[in-house]
């Protein structure tokens, strides 16, 4: 599958071997846009495309099936809280 991701600074194209991934798109009530959070299917960081992990405007994680779960959602919320406090 071809993925076209819009971030705040550039576009990223990546071919994926799976048909599923989870994307969290978040905008706060005051209009601040958080980095895109992508959850790829796999067992670790090696399963996440380098173009995503090297982009500071995106957050990423992996799960066995590419779906979010409690652990990945908690990690996302911690990143969100840290980021919102920086802005």
N, C-alpha and C. Protein backbone atom coordinates (compact mmCIF):
# COMPACT_ATOMS: atom_id res chain seq x y z
N UNK A 1 0.85 -1.17 0.00
CA UNK A 1 0.00 0.00 0.00
C UNK A 1 0.89 1.23 0.00
N UNK A 2 0.48 2.27 -0.65
CA UNK A 2 1.23 3.52 -0.73
C UNK A 2 0.67 4.47 0.32
N UNK A 3 1.55 5.05 1.10
CA UNK A 3 1.14 5.94 2.18
C UNK A 3 1.63 7.35 1.86
N UNK A 4 0.72 8.30 1.88
CA UNK A 4 1.08 9.70 1.70
C UNK A 4 0.72 10.40 2.99
N UNK A 5 1.74 10.86 3.69
CA UNK A 5 1.54 11.47 4.99
C UNK A 5 1.82 12.95 4.89
N UNK A 6 0.90 13.75 5.36
CA UNK A 6 1.13 15.19 5.44
C UNK A 6 1.62 15.52 6.83
N UNK A 7 2.73 16.18 6.91
CA UNK A 7 3.22 16.66 8.20
C UNK A 7 3.35 18.17 8.09
N UNK A 8 3.85 18.79 9.14
CA UNK A 8 3.92 20.24 9.13
C UNK A 8 5.02 20.77 8.22
N UNK A 9 6.00 19.94 7.87
CA UNK A 9 7.11 20.45 7.09
C UNK A 9 7.33 19.78 5.74
N UNK A 10 6.92 18.51 5.58
CA UNK A 10 7.18 17.83 4.32
C UNK A 10 6.25 16.66 4.14
N UNK A 11 6.23 16.13 2.93
CA UNK A 11 5.44 14.93 2.63
C UNK A 11 6.36 13.72 2.69
N UNK A 12 5.83 12.60 3.08
CA UNK A 12 6.60 11.36 3.16
C UNK A 12 5.86 10.30 2.36
N UNK A 13 6.56 9.63 1.47
CA UNK A 13 5.99 8.51 0.71
C UNK A 13 6.66 7.24 1.18
N UNK A 14 5.88 6.22 1.39
CA UNK A 14 6.46 4.96 1.83
C UNK A 14 5.59 3.80 1.36
N UNK A 15 6.20 2.75 0.85
CA UNK A 15 5.48 1.53 0.51
C UNK A 15 5.42 0.65 1.75
N UNK A 16 4.26 0.13 2.07
CA UNK A 16 4.09 -0.71 3.24
C UNK A 16 3.71 -2.12 2.80
N UNK A 17 4.17 -3.09 3.56
CA UNK A 17 3.85 -4.48 3.21
C UNK A 17 2.52 -4.91 3.82
N UNK A 18 1.93 -4.10 4.65
CA UNK A 18 0.67 -4.45 5.30
C UNK A 18 -0.42 -3.49 4.84
N UNK A 19 -1.65 -3.95 4.93
CA UNK A 19 -2.77 -3.10 4.55
C UNK A 19 -3.34 -2.33 5.73
N UNK A 20 -2.73 -2.43 6.89
CA UNK A 20 -3.31 -1.76 8.05
C UNK A 20 -2.25 -1.02 8.87
N UNK A 21 -2.59 0.17 9.29
CA UNK A 21 -1.86 0.90 10.30
C UNK A 21 -2.84 1.85 10.96
N UNK A 22 -2.50 2.30 12.15
CA UNK A 22 -3.37 3.22 12.87
C UNK A 22 -2.74 4.60 12.85
N UNK A 23 -3.53 5.63 12.62
CA UNK A 23 -3.06 7.01 12.63
C UNK A 23 -3.89 7.82 13.63
N UNK A 24 -3.19 8.50 14.51
CA UNK A 24 -3.86 9.41 15.45
C UNK A 24 -3.60 10.83 14.96
N UNK A 25 -4.66 11.53 14.62
CA UNK A 25 -4.58 12.93 14.20
C UNK A 25 -5.17 13.75 15.33
N UNK A 26 -4.41 14.68 15.88
CA UNK A 26 -4.88 15.40 17.06
C UNK A 26 -4.70 16.90 16.89
N UNK A 27 -5.76 17.62 17.17
CA UNK A 27 -5.74 19.07 17.22
C UNK A 27 -6.35 19.47 18.56
N UNK A 28 -5.66 20.31 19.31
CA UNK A 28 -6.20 20.73 20.60
C UNK A 28 -7.31 21.75 20.40
N UNK A 29 -8.03 22.02 21.46
CA UNK A 29 -9.18 22.93 21.38
C UNK A 29 -8.78 24.34 20.95
N UNK A 30 -7.53 24.73 21.23
CA UNK A 30 -7.09 26.07 20.84
C UNK A 30 -6.43 26.08 19.46
N UNK A 31 -6.51 24.96 18.71
CA UNK A 31 -6.03 24.92 17.34
C UNK A 31 -4.61 24.44 17.16
N UNK A 32 -3.93 24.04 18.21
CA UNK A 32 -2.56 23.52 18.08
C UNK A 32 -2.62 22.11 17.50
N UNK A 33 -1.82 21.88 16.47
CA UNK A 33 -1.79 20.59 15.80
C UNK A 33 -0.63 19.78 16.36
N UNK A 34 -0.94 18.59 16.84
CA UNK A 34 0.08 17.69 17.36
C UNK A 34 0.68 16.89 16.22
N UNK A 35 1.90 16.38 16.39
CA UNK A 35 2.48 15.53 15.35
C UNK A 35 1.61 14.30 15.09
N UNK A 36 1.60 13.83 13.87
CA UNK A 36 0.88 12.63 13.49
C UNK A 36 1.50 11.44 14.22
N UNK A 37 0.67 10.56 14.76
CA UNK A 37 1.13 9.38 15.49
C UNK A 37 0.69 8.15 14.72
N UNK A 38 1.66 7.39 14.20
CA UNK A 38 1.38 6.22 13.38
C UNK A 38 1.77 4.96 14.13
N UNK A 39 0.90 3.96 14.11
CA UNK A 39 1.20 2.66 14.71
C UNK A 39 1.26 1.63 13.59
N UNK A 40 2.46 1.09 13.37
CA UNK A 40 2.71 0.15 12.30
C UNK A 40 2.60 -1.29 12.80
N UNK A 41 2.23 -2.22 11.94
CA UNK A 41 2.25 -3.62 12.35
C UNK A 41 3.69 -4.10 12.45
N UNK A 42 4.02 -4.81 13.51
CA UNK A 42 5.36 -5.34 13.69
C UNK A 42 5.71 -5.51 15.15
N UNK A 43 6.93 -5.91 15.39
CA UNK A 43 7.37 -6.22 16.75
C UNK A 43 8.29 -5.16 17.36
N UNK A 44 8.72 -4.18 16.59
CA UNK A 44 9.63 -3.18 17.15
C UNK A 44 9.96 -2.09 16.16
N UNK A 45 10.94 -1.27 16.53
CA UNK A 45 11.30 -0.10 15.72
C UNK A 45 11.81 -0.50 14.34
N UNK A 46 12.37 -1.68 14.20
CA UNK A 46 12.86 -2.12 12.89
C UNK A 46 11.73 -2.27 11.88
N UNK A 47 10.51 -2.42 12.34
CA UNK A 47 9.36 -2.57 11.45
C UNK A 47 8.74 -1.24 11.04
N UNK A 48 9.28 -0.14 11.54
CA UNK A 48 8.79 1.20 11.21
C UNK A 48 9.72 1.79 10.15
N UNK A 49 9.18 2.31 9.05
CA UNK A 49 10.03 2.88 8.00
C UNK A 49 10.93 4.00 8.54
N UNK A 50 12.18 4.00 8.08
CA UNK A 50 13.15 5.00 8.55
C UNK A 50 12.69 6.43 8.24
N UNK A 51 11.98 6.61 7.14
CA UNK A 51 11.52 7.96 6.79
C UNK A 51 10.54 8.49 7.84
N UNK A 52 9.89 7.61 8.58
CA UNK A 52 8.98 8.02 9.64
C UNK A 52 9.75 8.26 10.93
N UNK A 53 10.63 7.33 11.31
CA UNK A 53 11.36 7.47 12.58
C UNK A 53 12.33 8.63 12.56
N UNK A 54 12.81 9.02 11.38
CA UNK A 54 13.75 10.13 11.30
C UNK A 54 13.07 11.49 11.16
N UNK A 55 11.75 11.51 11.07
CA UNK A 55 11.01 12.76 10.91
C UNK A 55 10.59 13.27 12.28
N UNK A 56 11.11 14.42 12.73
CA UNK A 56 10.76 14.94 14.05
C UNK A 56 9.31 15.41 14.15
N UNK A 57 8.62 15.54 13.03
CA UNK A 57 7.24 16.00 13.03
C UNK A 57 6.24 14.86 13.10
N UNK A 58 6.71 13.64 13.31
CA UNK A 58 5.83 12.48 13.43
C UNK A 58 6.27 11.63 14.61
N UNK A 59 5.29 11.02 15.24
CA UNK A 59 5.55 10.05 16.29
C UNK A 59 5.14 8.69 15.74
N UNK A 60 5.82 7.63 16.19
CA UNK A 60 5.48 6.31 15.68
C UNK A 60 5.68 5.24 16.75
N UNK A 61 5.03 4.14 16.55
CA UNK A 61 5.14 2.97 17.41
C UNK A 61 4.78 1.76 16.56
N UNK A 62 4.92 0.59 17.14
CA UNK A 62 4.49 -0.62 16.44
C UNK A 62 3.70 -1.49 17.41
N UNK A 63 2.84 -2.30 16.86
CA UNK A 63 2.11 -3.30 17.63
C UNK A 63 1.99 -4.53 16.74
N UNK A 64 1.76 -5.69 17.32
CA UNK A 64 1.73 -6.90 16.49
C UNK A 64 0.78 -6.83 15.30
N UNK A 65 -0.34 -6.13 15.43
CA UNK A 65 -1.32 -6.09 14.34
C UNK A 65 -1.52 -4.69 13.75
N UNK A 66 -0.78 -3.69 14.22
CA UNK A 66 -0.92 -2.34 13.70
C UNK A 66 -2.04 -1.54 14.34
N UNK A 67 -2.74 -2.14 15.29
CA UNK A 67 -3.83 -1.46 15.98
C UNK A 67 -3.31 -0.81 17.24
N UNK A 68 -3.99 0.22 17.69
CA UNK A 68 -3.64 0.82 18.97
C UNK A 68 -4.16 -0.07 20.09
N UNK A 69 -3.53 0.02 21.25
CA UNK A 69 -3.98 -0.68 22.44
C UNK A 69 -3.71 0.23 23.63
N UNK A 70 -3.98 -0.25 24.81
CA UNK A 70 -3.83 0.60 26.00
C UNK A 70 -2.41 1.11 26.17
N UNK A 71 -1.42 0.24 25.96
CA UNK A 71 -0.02 0.64 26.13
C UNK A 71 0.38 1.73 25.12
N UNK A 72 0.02 1.55 23.87
CA UNK A 72 0.37 2.55 22.84
C UNK A 72 -0.41 3.84 23.04
N UNK A 73 -1.65 3.75 23.49
CA UNK A 73 -2.41 4.97 23.74
C UNK A 73 -1.83 5.75 24.91
N UNK A 74 -1.41 5.06 25.96
CA UNK A 74 -0.77 5.74 27.10
C UNK A 74 0.52 6.43 26.67
N UNK A 75 1.31 5.75 25.84
CA UNK A 75 2.55 6.37 25.33
C UNK A 75 2.22 7.62 24.52
N UNK A 76 1.17 7.54 23.70
CA UNK A 76 0.74 8.68 22.91
C UNK A 76 0.32 9.84 23.80
N UNK A 77 -0.45 9.56 24.84
CA UNK A 77 -0.90 10.63 25.74
C UNK A 77 0.28 11.28 26.47
N UNK A 78 1.28 10.49 26.84
CA UNK A 78 2.47 11.08 27.48
C UNK A 78 3.22 11.99 26.51
N UNK A 79 3.36 11.56 25.25
CA UNK A 79 3.98 12.42 24.24
C UNK A 79 3.16 13.69 24.05
N UNK A 80 1.85 13.55 23.99
CA UNK A 80 0.95 14.69 23.80
C UNK A 80 1.09 15.69 24.95
N UNK A 81 1.06 15.20 26.18
CA UNK A 81 1.18 16.09 27.35
C UNK A 81 2.52 16.81 27.35
N UNK A 82 3.59 16.09 27.03
CA UNK A 82 4.92 16.71 26.97
C UNK A 82 4.95 17.79 25.88
N UNK A 83 4.41 17.47 24.71
CA UNK A 83 4.42 18.42 23.58
C UNK A 83 3.57 19.66 23.88
N UNK A 84 2.37 19.47 24.42
CA UNK A 84 1.47 20.58 24.69
C UNK A 84 2.09 21.52 25.73
N UNK A 85 2.88 21.00 26.65
CA UNK A 85 3.54 21.82 27.65
C UNK A 85 4.71 22.62 27.06
N UNK A 86 5.27 22.13 25.94
CA UNK A 86 6.37 22.84 25.27
C UNK A 86 5.86 24.05 24.48
N UNK A 87 4.62 23.96 24.02
CA UNK A 87 4.07 24.99 23.13
C UNK A 87 3.61 26.19 23.94
